[in-house]
Amino acid sequence: MVNIRSLDPSASPLDYYGSELRRLREAAGLGQSQLGGVVFCTGSLIGQIETAKKVPTRDFSERIDAALMTGGFFTRLVGLVLRSQLPTWFQPYAEMEAKAAYISTYQCQLVYGLLQTPAYARAVLGVEHSDLLDEMVAARVERQRILERDRPPVVWVVLDEAALTREIGGRHVMRAQLEYLLAFASEPWVQIQVLPFKAGEHAAVMGSFNLLRFDSDPDLFYAESYDMGHMTANPEVIRERSVGYARLQATALSVEDSAELIARVMEERYGNGGLA
């Protein structure tokens, strides 16, 4: 049965997407099943997206643009839709992250979100968001698109060795994740250092944090707790954390030695002959 639930286009990006999909589909003289046949999905899925019950993917949006000849409208809109699926408290940071020219991050337990594989992200997010897992993973992958720009931000990651040895999602997921980190060695704007266990106490024992630099805006410091994020442009905080980050970089292994450690952990811990 065709779903004709009314939507308020101003309620959310998802509602706006659904209302525009319905409007342009009807303007093209197509039913939900007819459009579904053109873009290789069910009419039921078209109906769910039109009524904001299902979040569209980027691939779906590209196919809709081609089918309805909408000039990339839905492909542009889907980024906003997916970002709106991020936790409300995290969205302000995600918006600033997308504008940053330089990102410095220390991660004490997990691989940085911008460098996570979908499978790794699914395992991490599934702990707290099992009911919205597809949407949350899609939103995280969408964040990573800033690395695909013609002029991407410079990203410097200091990754605690614990993030390499903490098995997330199983051995196959971890092996693929570490292999993915190694692939960034060919990307000059992404630098990864590992802070080894032997470093002992260090300048970030309080936990993970990010520093964002912009072309024309003040620097930002960001850290998060269980269910909230803290972001500030306070010059004293920025100065203190910048010095702390420089000390972390000096204490961590070099980029080259870090890659060697990642490769060794990948083979010894997550290879065919690794730990069970």
Protein backbone atom coordinates (compact mmCIF):
# COMPACT_ATOMS: atom_id res chain seq x y z
CA MET A 1 0.00 0.00 0.00
CA VAL A 2 1.36 3.41 -0.93
CA ASN A 3 2.30 5.47 2.10
CA ILE A 4 1.01 9.03 1.85
CA ARG A 5 1.93 10.25 5.34
CA SER A 6 2.18 14.03 5.41
CA LEU A 7 5.56 15.58 6.13
CA ASP A 8 6.66 18.94 7.41
CA PRO A 9 9.66 19.71 5.14
CA SER A 10 11.04 22.13 7.72
CA ALA A 11 11.09 19.55 10.52
CA SER A 12 14.47 18.07 9.62
CA PRO A 13 16.80 17.48 6.67
CA LEU A 14 15.41 13.95 6.44
CA ASP A 15 11.83 15.23 6.21
CA TYR A 16 12.87 17.76 3.56
CA TYR A 17 14.59 15.04 1.55
CA GLY A 18 11.49 12.84 1.73
CA SER A 19 9.09 15.60 0.76
CA GLU A 20 11.24 16.64 -2.21
CA LEU A 21 11.59 13.04 -3.36
CA ARG A 22 7.83 12.64 -3.33
CA ARG A 23 7.25 15.98 -5.06
CA LEU A 24 9.75 15.33 -7.86
CA ARG A 25 8.68 11.72 -8.30
CA GLU A 26 5.06 12.76 -8.71
CA ALA A 27 6.08 15.59 -11.06
CA ALA A 28 7.77 12.94 -13.22
CA GLY A 29 4.54 10.94 -13.29
CA LEU A 30 6.05 7.91 -11.55
CA GLY A 31 4.63 5.72 -8.79
CA GLN A 32 6.79 4.49 -5.96
CA SER A 33 7.14 1.03 -7.49
CA GLN A 34 7.92 2.49 -10.91
CA LEU A 35 10.70 4.68 -9.53
CA GLY A 36 11.95 1.77 -7.44
CA GLY A 37 12.25 -0.32 -10.60
CA VAL A 38 14.30 2.39 -12.29
CA VAL A 39 16.77 2.77 -9.38
CA PHE A 40 16.89 -0.96 -8.51
CA CYS A 41 15.08 -0.94 -5.17
CA THR A 42 11.59 -1.70 -3.91
CA GLY A 43 8.69 0.70 -4.01
CA SER A 44 8.43 0.12 -0.27
CA LEU A 45 11.90 1.61 0.24
CA ILE A 46 10.92 4.65 -1.83
CA GLY A 47 7.88 5.04 0.41
CA GLN A 48 9.91 4.70 3.60
CA ILE A 49 12.35 7.39 2.48
CA GLU A 50 9.54 9.67 1.33
CA THR A 51 7.96 9.42 4.79
CA ALA A 52 11.26 9.90 6.67
CA LYS A 53 11.17 6.39 8.08
CA LYS A 54 14.39 5.37 6.33
CA VAL A 55 17.62 7.31 5.84
CA PRO A 56 18.80 7.44 2.21
CA THR A 57 22.33 6.45 1.26
CA ARG A 58 24.67 8.39 -1.02
CA ASP A 59 24.43 5.64 -3.65
CA PHE A 60 20.63 5.80 -3.57
CA SER A 61 20.76 9.59 -3.94
CA GLU A 62 23.04 9.39 -6.96
CA ARG A 63 20.70 6.91 -8.64
CA ILE A 64 17.67 9.09 -7.87
CA ASP A 65 19.41 12.13 -9.38
CA ALA A 66 20.10 10.14 -12.53
CA ALA A 67 16.56 8.76 -12.74
CA LEU A 68 14.76 12.06 -12.10
CA MET A 69 17.42 14.21 -13.82
CA THR A 70 17.64 16.52 -10.82
CA GLY A 71 21.16 17.79 -11.48
CA GLY A 72 22.78 16.33 -8.35
CA PHE A 73 20.19 17.83 -5.98
CA PHE A 74 19.75 14.71 -3.84
CA THR A 75 23.46 13.89 -3.90
CA ARG A 76 24.16 17.32 -2.42
CA LEU A 77 21.32 17.08 0.08
CA VAL A 78 22.19 13.62 1.39
CA GLY A 79 25.33 14.93 3.09
CA LEU A 80 23.18 17.20 5.26
CA VAL A 81 20.75 14.34 5.92
CA LEU A 82 23.50 11.99 7.04
CA ARG A 83 25.16 14.59 9.26
CA SER A 84 21.80 15.14 10.95
CA GLN A 85 21.92 11.51 12.07
CA LEU A 86 24.95 12.19 14.25
CA PRO A 87 24.24 12.68 17.97
CA THR A 88 22.96 16.19 18.58
CA TRP A 89 25.83 17.02 20.94
CA PHE A 90 28.38 15.92 18.33
CA GLN A 91 26.99 17.84 15.35
CA PRO A 92 28.62 21.23 16.16
CA TYR A 93 32.04 19.56 16.23
CA ALA A 94 31.38 17.69 12.97
CA GLU A 95 30.51 20.98 11.28
CA MET A 96 33.77 22.57 12.43
CA GLU A 97 35.79 19.46 11.55
CA ALA A 98 34.48 19.72 7.99
CA LYS A 99 35.84 23.30 7.76
CA ALA A 100 39.24 22.68 9.35
CA ALA A 101 42.45 23.09 7.40
CA TYR A 102 44.54 21.16 9.93
CA ILE A 103 43.37 18.45 12.35
CA SER A 104 45.57 17.14 15.16
CA THR A 105 44.22 14.28 17.27
CA TYR A 106 45.35 11.99 20.04
CA GLN A 107 43.32 8.79 20.41
CA CYS A 108 43.91 6.62 23.46
CA GLN A 109 41.62 3.63 22.81
CA LEU A 110 40.17 3.63 19.31
CA VAL A 111 41.21 4.48 15.77
CA TYR A 112 40.23 8.06 14.90
CA GLY A 113 36.76 8.25 13.37
CA LEU A 114 37.97 9.76 10.08
CA LEU A 115 40.26 6.76 9.57
CA GLN A 116 37.87 3.95 10.56
CA THR A 117 36.73 1.29 8.12
CA PRO A 118 32.94 0.78 7.92
CA ALA A 119 33.26 -2.63 9.61
CA TYR A 120 35.33 -1.19 12.48
CA ALA A 121 32.90 1.73 12.85
CA ARG A 122 29.96 -0.70 12.90
CA ALA A 123 31.55 -2.67 15.74
CA VAL A 124 32.28 0.49 17.76
CA LEU A 125 28.90 2.14 17.20
CA GLY A 126 26.95 -1.08 17.68
CA VAL A 127 27.74 -1.05 21.39
CA GLU A 128 25.46 1.94 22.01
CA HIS A 129 23.45 2.46 18.81
CA SER A 130 22.23 -0.98 17.72
CA ASP A 131 18.78 0.41 16.83
CA LEU A 132 20.20 3.03 14.43
CA LEU A 133 23.38 1.27 13.41
CA ASP A 134 23.08 1.61 9.63
CA GLU A 135 22.37 5.33 9.94
CA MET A 136 25.22 5.92 12.38
CA VAL A 137 27.75 4.06 10.23
CA ALA A 138 26.60 5.95 7.14
CA ALA A 139 27.00 9.24 9.01
CA ARG A 140 30.53 8.33 10.08
CA VAL A 141 31.51 7.36 6.53
CA GLU A 142 30.02 10.64 5.33
CA ARG A 143 32.32 12.55 7.72
CA GLN A 144 35.29 10.88 6.06
CA ARG A 145 34.49 12.46 2.69
CA ILE A 146 36.48 15.54 3.70
CA LEU A 147 39.60 13.43 3.05
CA GLU A 148 38.53 13.01 -0.59
CA ARG A 149 38.46 16.71 -1.41
CA ASP A 150 40.79 18.26 -3.95
CA ARG A 151 42.29 20.17 -1.01
CA PRO A 152 41.73 17.95 2.06
CA PRO A 153 42.69 18.98 5.57
CA VAL A 154 46.08 17.97 6.91
CA VAL A 155 45.40 15.25 9.51
CA TRP A 156 48.00 14.35 12.12
CA VAL A 157 47.11 11.38 14.30
CA VAL A 158 48.88 10.20 17.42
CA LEU A 159 47.42 6.78 18.15
CA ASP A 160 48.04 4.99 21.41
CA GLU A 161 49.39 1.47 20.95
CA ALA A 162 46.33 0.26 22.87
CA ALA A 163 44.20 1.13 19.84
CA LEU A 164 46.18 -1.41 17.81
CA THR A 165 45.86 -4.23 20.30
CA ARG A 166 42.29 -3.68 21.47
CA GLU A 167 40.38 -6.14 19.30
CA ILE A 168 37.32 -4.40 17.86
CA GLY A 169 34.92 -6.47 15.77
CA GLY A 170 37.14 -9.54 15.65
CA ARG A 171 40.50 -10.37 14.11
CA HIS A 172 39.42 -9.97 10.48
CA VAL A 173 37.97 -6.51 11.14
CA MET A 174 41.11 -5.46 13.00
CA ARG A 175 43.45 -6.74 10.32
CA ALA A 176 41.52 -4.82 7.66
CA GLN A 177 41.54 -1.71 9.86
CA LEU A 178 45.29 -1.78 10.40
CA GLU A 179 45.84 -2.46 6.70
CA TYR A 180 43.69 0.60 5.98
CA LEU A 181 45.86 2.73 8.28
CA LEU A 182 48.96 1.59 6.41
CA ALA A 183 47.35 2.65 3.12
CA PHE A 184 47.51 6.28 4.28
CA ALA A 185 51.30 6.16 3.99
CA SER A 186 50.86 7.24 0.38
CA GLU A 187 48.69 10.22 1.36
CA PRO A 188 50.98 13.14 2.28
CA TRP A 189 48.27 15.04 4.17
CA VAL A 190 47.66 12.15 6.62
CA GLN A 191 50.42 11.39 9.14
CA ILE A 192 50.06 8.62 11.74
CA GLN A 193 52.30 8.17 14.76
CA VAL A 194 51.94 5.48 17.42
CA LEU A 195 52.54 6.27 21.08
CA PRO A 196 54.08 3.00 22.36
CA PHE A 197 53.31 1.41 25.71
CA LYS A 198 56.94 1.89 26.71
CA ALA A 199 56.37 5.67 26.73
CA GLY A 200 54.73 5.23 30.14
CA GLU A 201 53.15 8.40 31.53
CA HIS A 202 52.68 11.11 28.92
CA ALA A 203 51.13 14.50 28.15
CA ALA A 204 47.65 13.14 27.41
CA VAL A 205 46.99 10.65 30.18
CA MET A 206 43.66 12.44 30.70
CA GLY A 207 42.34 11.01 27.41
CA SER A 208 41.69 11.67 23.75
CA PHE A 209 41.39 15.17 22.31
CA ASN A 210 41.40 17.03 18.99
CA LEU A 211 42.84 20.38 17.90
CA LEU A 212 41.41 22.10 14.82
CA ARG A 213 43.08 24.88 12.86
CA PHE A 214 41.36 27.01 10.24
CA ASP A 215 42.46 29.29 7.45
CA SER A 216 40.82 32.34 8.99
CA ASP A 217 39.07 31.34 12.24
CA PRO A 218 40.47 30.79 15.76
CA ASP A 219 41.82 27.36 16.68
CA LEU A 220 39.49 24.99 18.54
CA PHE A 221 40.07 22.34 21.19
CA TYR A 222 37.63 19.44 21.42
CA ALA A 223 37.26 16.57 23.87
CA GLU A 224 34.31 14.41 24.78
CA SER A 225 32.97 12.42 27.70
CA TYR A 226 30.39 9.63 27.68
CA ASP A 227 27.50 11.58 26.19
CA MET A 228 28.70 15.10 25.49
CA GLY A 229 31.42 17.04 23.77
CA HIS A 230 33.35 20.07 24.97
CA MET A 231 34.65 22.56 22.41
CA THR A 232 36.46 25.81 23.16
CA ALA A 233 38.54 28.50 21.48
CA ASN A 234 39.98 29.72 24.79
CA PRO A 235 43.55 30.84 23.93
CA GLU A 236 44.99 29.47 27.17
CA VAL A 237 43.46 26.04 26.57
CA ILE A 238 44.67 26.04 22.97
CA ARG A 239 48.19 27.03 24.05
CA GLU A 240 48.34 24.37 26.77
CA ARG A 241 46.99 21.57 24.60
CA SER A 242 49.16 22.57 21.63
CA VAL A 243 52.26 22.26 23.78
CA GLY A 244 50.97 18.96 25.13
CA TYR A 245 50.38 17.68 21.61
CA ALA A 246 53.88 18.68 20.53
CA ARG A 247 55.24 16.68 23.47
CA LEU A 248 53.12 13.69 22.39
CA GLN A 249 54.51 13.91 18.87
CA ALA A 250 58.05 14.02 20.25
CA THR A 251 57.42 11.01 22.50
CA ALA A 252 55.64 8.91 19.87
CA LEU A 253 57.40 6.74 17.32
CA SER A 254 58.31 8.35 14.01
CA VAL A 255 55.83 8.00 11.16
CA GLU A 256 58.06 5.36 9.57
CA ASP A 257 58.58 3.39 12.79
CA SER A 258 54.87 3.67 13.53
CA ALA A 259 54.03 2.08 10.18
CA GLU A 260 56.43 -0.75 10.97
CA LEU A 261 54.74 -1.33 14.33
CA ILE A 262 51.26 -1.28 12.80
CA ALA A 263 52.36 -3.81 10.18
CA ARG A 264 53.96 -6.03 12.81
CA VAL A 265 50.85 -6.01 15.03
CA MET A 266 48.69 -6.68 11.99
CA GLU A 267 50.67 -9.81 11.10
CA GLU A 268 51.56 -11.11 14.55
CA ARG A 269 48.26 -10.47 16.29
CA TYR A 270 45.70 -10.57 13.51
CA GLY A 271 47.38 -12.66 10.82
CA ASN A 272 46.76 -16.33 10.16
CA GLY A 273 49.29 -17.28 12.77
CA GLY A 274 48.17 -14.66 15.29
CA LEU A 275 46.54 -15.00 18.65
CA ALA A 276 43.21 -16.78 18.78
